[in-house]
Amino acid sequence: MEFDKTRNFNEEAEIFKVLGHPVRLKIVAGLCTRECNVKHIWECLGLPQATVSQHLALLKNKGIIEGKREGVEVHYTVVHPLAKKLIEVVS
């Protein structure tokens, strides 16, 4: 393998950084298996709603997940291909 000094890994490093938190990793792993709303996520993880919402906001801002509004609920899903691939590798 050759080292490519022209290759930029900034996006990959950012994804690794965001997924480096255990709670965010759990959230993304769960969302890779099924789309769900914030209530379902915090009930499954046993965490306060505010904590889960903060993590979801960061994941959304980094382009890892997207939320789709259905009535009063927002259903989240993983959209970033590298995040999906990383979950596949660690699962």
C-alpha atoms as a PDB file:
ATOM      1  CA  MET A   1       0.000   0.000   0.000  1.00  0.00           C
ATOM      2  CA  GLU A   2       1.244   3.435  -0.912  1.00  0.00           C
ATOM      3  CA  PHE A   3       0.653   6.538   1.160  1.00  0.00           C
ATOM      4  CA  ASP A   4      -1.323   9.142  -0.748  1.00  0.00           C
ATOM      5  CA  LYS A   5      -0.236  12.551   0.473  1.00  0.00           C
ATOM      6  CA  THR A   6      -2.875  14.217  -1.686  1.00  0.00           C
ATOM      7  CA  ARG A   7      -5.801  12.347  -0.099  1.00  0.00           C
ATOM      8  CA  ASN A   8      -7.814  14.416   2.353  1.00  0.00           C
ATOM      9  CA  PHE A   9      -9.538  12.493   5.159  1.00  0.00           C
ATOM     10  CA  ASN A  10     -11.269  15.442   6.833  1.00  0.00           C
ATOM     11  CA  GLU A  11     -14.831  14.197   6.265  1.00  0.00           C
ATOM     12  CA  GLU A  12     -13.974  10.676   7.425  1.00  0.00           C
ATOM     13  CA  ALA A  13     -12.219  12.026  10.523  1.00  0.00           C
ATOM     14  CA  GLU A  14     -15.275  14.141  11.371  1.00  0.00           C
ATOM     15  CA  ILE A  15     -17.568  11.097  11.126  1.00  0.00           C
ATOM     16  CA  PHE A  16     -15.229   9.089  13.357  1.00  0.00           C
ATOM     17  CA  LYS A  17     -15.182  11.951  15.868  1.00  0.00           C
ATOM     18  CA  VAL A  18     -18.968  12.226  16.029  1.00  0.00           C
ATOM     19  CA  LEU A  19     -19.428   8.450  16.305  1.00  0.00           C
ATOM     20  CA  GLY A  20     -16.718   8.302  18.978  1.00  0.00           C
ATOM     21  CA  HIS A  21     -19.312   8.903  21.709  1.00  0.00           C
ATOM     22  CA  PRO A  22     -20.936   5.656  22.917  1.00  0.00           C
ATOM     23  CA  VAL A  23     -24.467   7.087  23.035  1.00  0.00           C
ATOM     24  CA  ARG A  24     -24.262   8.454  19.496  1.00  0.00           C
ATOM     25  CA  LEU A  25     -22.825   5.151  18.309  1.00  0.00           C
ATOM     26  CA  LYS A  26     -25.766   3.314  19.912  1.00  0.00           C
ATOM     27  CA  ILE A  27     -28.249   5.709  18.348  1.00  0.00           C
ATOM     28  CA  VAL A  28     -26.765   5.333  14.869  1.00  0.00           C
ATOM     29  CA  ALA A  29     -26.533   1.548  15.221  1.00  0.00           C
ATOM     30  CA  GLY A  30     -30.191   1.399  16.219  1.00  0.00           C
ATOM     31  CA  LEU A  31     -31.249   3.705  13.401  1.00  0.00           C
ATOM     32  CA  CYS A  32     -29.373   1.522  10.913  1.00  0.00           C
ATOM     33  CA  THR A  33     -31.774  -1.288  11.780  1.00  0.00           C
ATOM     34  CA  ARG A  34     -34.969   0.776  11.738  1.00  0.00           C
ATOM     35  CA  GLU A  35     -36.314   4.288  11.443  1.00  0.00           C
ATOM     36  CA  CYS A  36     -37.780   5.595  14.704  1.00  0.00           C
ATOM     37  CA  ASN A  37     -38.767   8.658  16.687  1.00  0.00           C
ATOM     38  CA  VAL A  38     -37.003  10.278  19.628  1.00  0.00           C
ATOM     39  CA  LYS A  39     -39.408   8.778  22.186  1.00  0.00           C
ATOM     40  CA  HIS A  40     -38.654   5.253  21.031  1.00  0.00           C
ATOM     41  CA  ILE A  41     -34.908   5.968  21.121  1.00  0.00           C
ATOM     42  CA  TRP A  42     -34.843   7.346  24.668  1.00  0.00           C
ATOM     43  CA  GLU A  43     -37.125   4.591  25.938  1.00  0.00           C
ATOM     44  CA  CYS A  44     -34.872   1.907  24.412  1.00  0.00           C
ATOM     45  CA  LEU A  45     -31.682   3.497  25.743  1.00  0.00           C
ATOM     46  CA  GLY A  46     -33.119   4.472  29.134  1.00  0.00           C
ATOM     47  CA  LEU A  47     -31.815   8.017  28.795  1.00  0.00           C
ATOM     48  CA  PRO A  48     -33.511  11.374  29.377  1.00  0.00           C
ATOM     49  CA  GLN A  49     -35.302  12.804  26.348  1.00  0.00           C
ATOM     50  CA  ALA A  50     -33.177  15.963  26.482  1.00  0.00           C
ATOM     51  CA  THR A  51     -29.946  13.960  26.292  1.00  0.00           C
ATOM     52  CA  VAL A  52     -31.133  11.954  23.301  1.00  0.00           C
ATOM     53  CA  SER A  53     -32.381  15.113  21.573  1.00  0.00           C
ATOM     54  CA  GLN A  54     -28.968  16.769  21.980  1.00  0.00           C
ATOM     55  CA  HIS A  55     -27.222  13.773  20.426  1.00  0.00           C
ATOM     56  CA  LEU A  56     -29.767  13.618  17.589  1.00  0.00           C
ATOM     57  CA  ALA A  57     -29.251  17.328  16.879  1.00  0.00           C
ATOM     58  CA  LEU A  58     -25.488  16.845  16.558  1.00  0.00           C
ATOM     59  CA  LEU A  59     -25.898  13.778  14.335  1.00  0.00           C
ATOM     60  CA  LYS A  60     -28.346  15.701  12.160  1.00  0.00           C
ATOM     61  CA  ASN A  61     -26.094  18.776  11.940  1.00  0.00           C
ATOM     62  CA  LYS A  62     -23.197  16.584  10.803  1.00  0.00           C
ATOM     63  CA  GLY A  63     -25.327  15.004   8.065  1.00  0.00           C
ATOM     64  CA  ILE A  64     -25.270  11.516   9.568  1.00  0.00           C
ATOM     65  CA  ILE A  65     -29.029  11.272  10.121  1.00  0.00           C
ATOM     66  CA  GLU A  66     -32.129  12.955   8.749  1.00  0.00           C
ATOM     67  CA  GLY A  67     -35.502  13.514  10.315  1.00  0.00           C
ATOM     68  CA  LYS A  68     -38.778  13.084   8.461  1.00  0.00           C
ATOM     69  CA  ARG A  69     -41.857  14.714   9.985  1.00  0.00           C
ATOM     70  CA  GLU A  70     -44.957  12.539  10.233  1.00  0.00           C
ATOM     71  CA  GLY A  71     -47.680  14.519  11.958  1.00  0.00           C
ATOM     72  CA  VAL A  72     -46.294  15.672  15.295  1.00  0.00           C
ATOM     73  CA  GLU A  73     -43.491  13.092  15.313  1.00  0.00           C
ATOM     74  CA  VAL A  74     -40.099  13.168  13.613  1.00  0.00           C
ATOM     75  CA  HIS A  75     -38.738   9.818  12.459  1.00  0.00           C
ATOM     76  CA  TYR A  76     -34.971   9.566  12.143  1.00  0.00           C
ATOM     77  CA  THR A  77     -32.892   7.470   9.784  1.00  0.00           C
ATOM     78  CA  VAL A  78     -29.185   7.161   8.949  1.00  0.00           C
ATOM     79  CA  VAL A  79     -28.308   8.737   5.602  1.00  0.00           C
ATOM     80  CA  HIS A  80     -24.519   8.981   5.598  1.00  0.00           C
ATOM     81  CA  PRO A  81     -22.989   6.013   3.724  1.00  0.00           C
ATOM     82  CA  LEU A  82     -19.753   5.983   5.750  1.00  0.00           C
ATOM     83  CA  ALA A  83     -21.686   5.914   9.038  1.00  0.00           C
ATOM     84  CA  LYS A  84     -23.703   2.947   7.761  1.00  0.00           C
ATOM     85  CA  LYS A  85     -20.535   1.162   6.688  1.00  0.00           C
ATOM     86  CA  LEU A  86     -18.838   1.779  10.058  1.00  0.00           C
ATOM     87  CA  ILE A  87     -21.822   0.356  11.954  1.00  0.00           C
ATOM     88  CA  GLU A  88     -21.762  -2.663   9.687  1.00  0.00           C
ATOM     89  CA  VAL A  89     -18.078  -3.224  10.515  1.00  0.00           C
ATOM     90  CA  VAL A  90     -18.410  -2.874  14.304  1.00  0.00           C
ATOM     91  CA  SER A  91     -21.650  -4.854  14.623  1.00  0.00           C
END
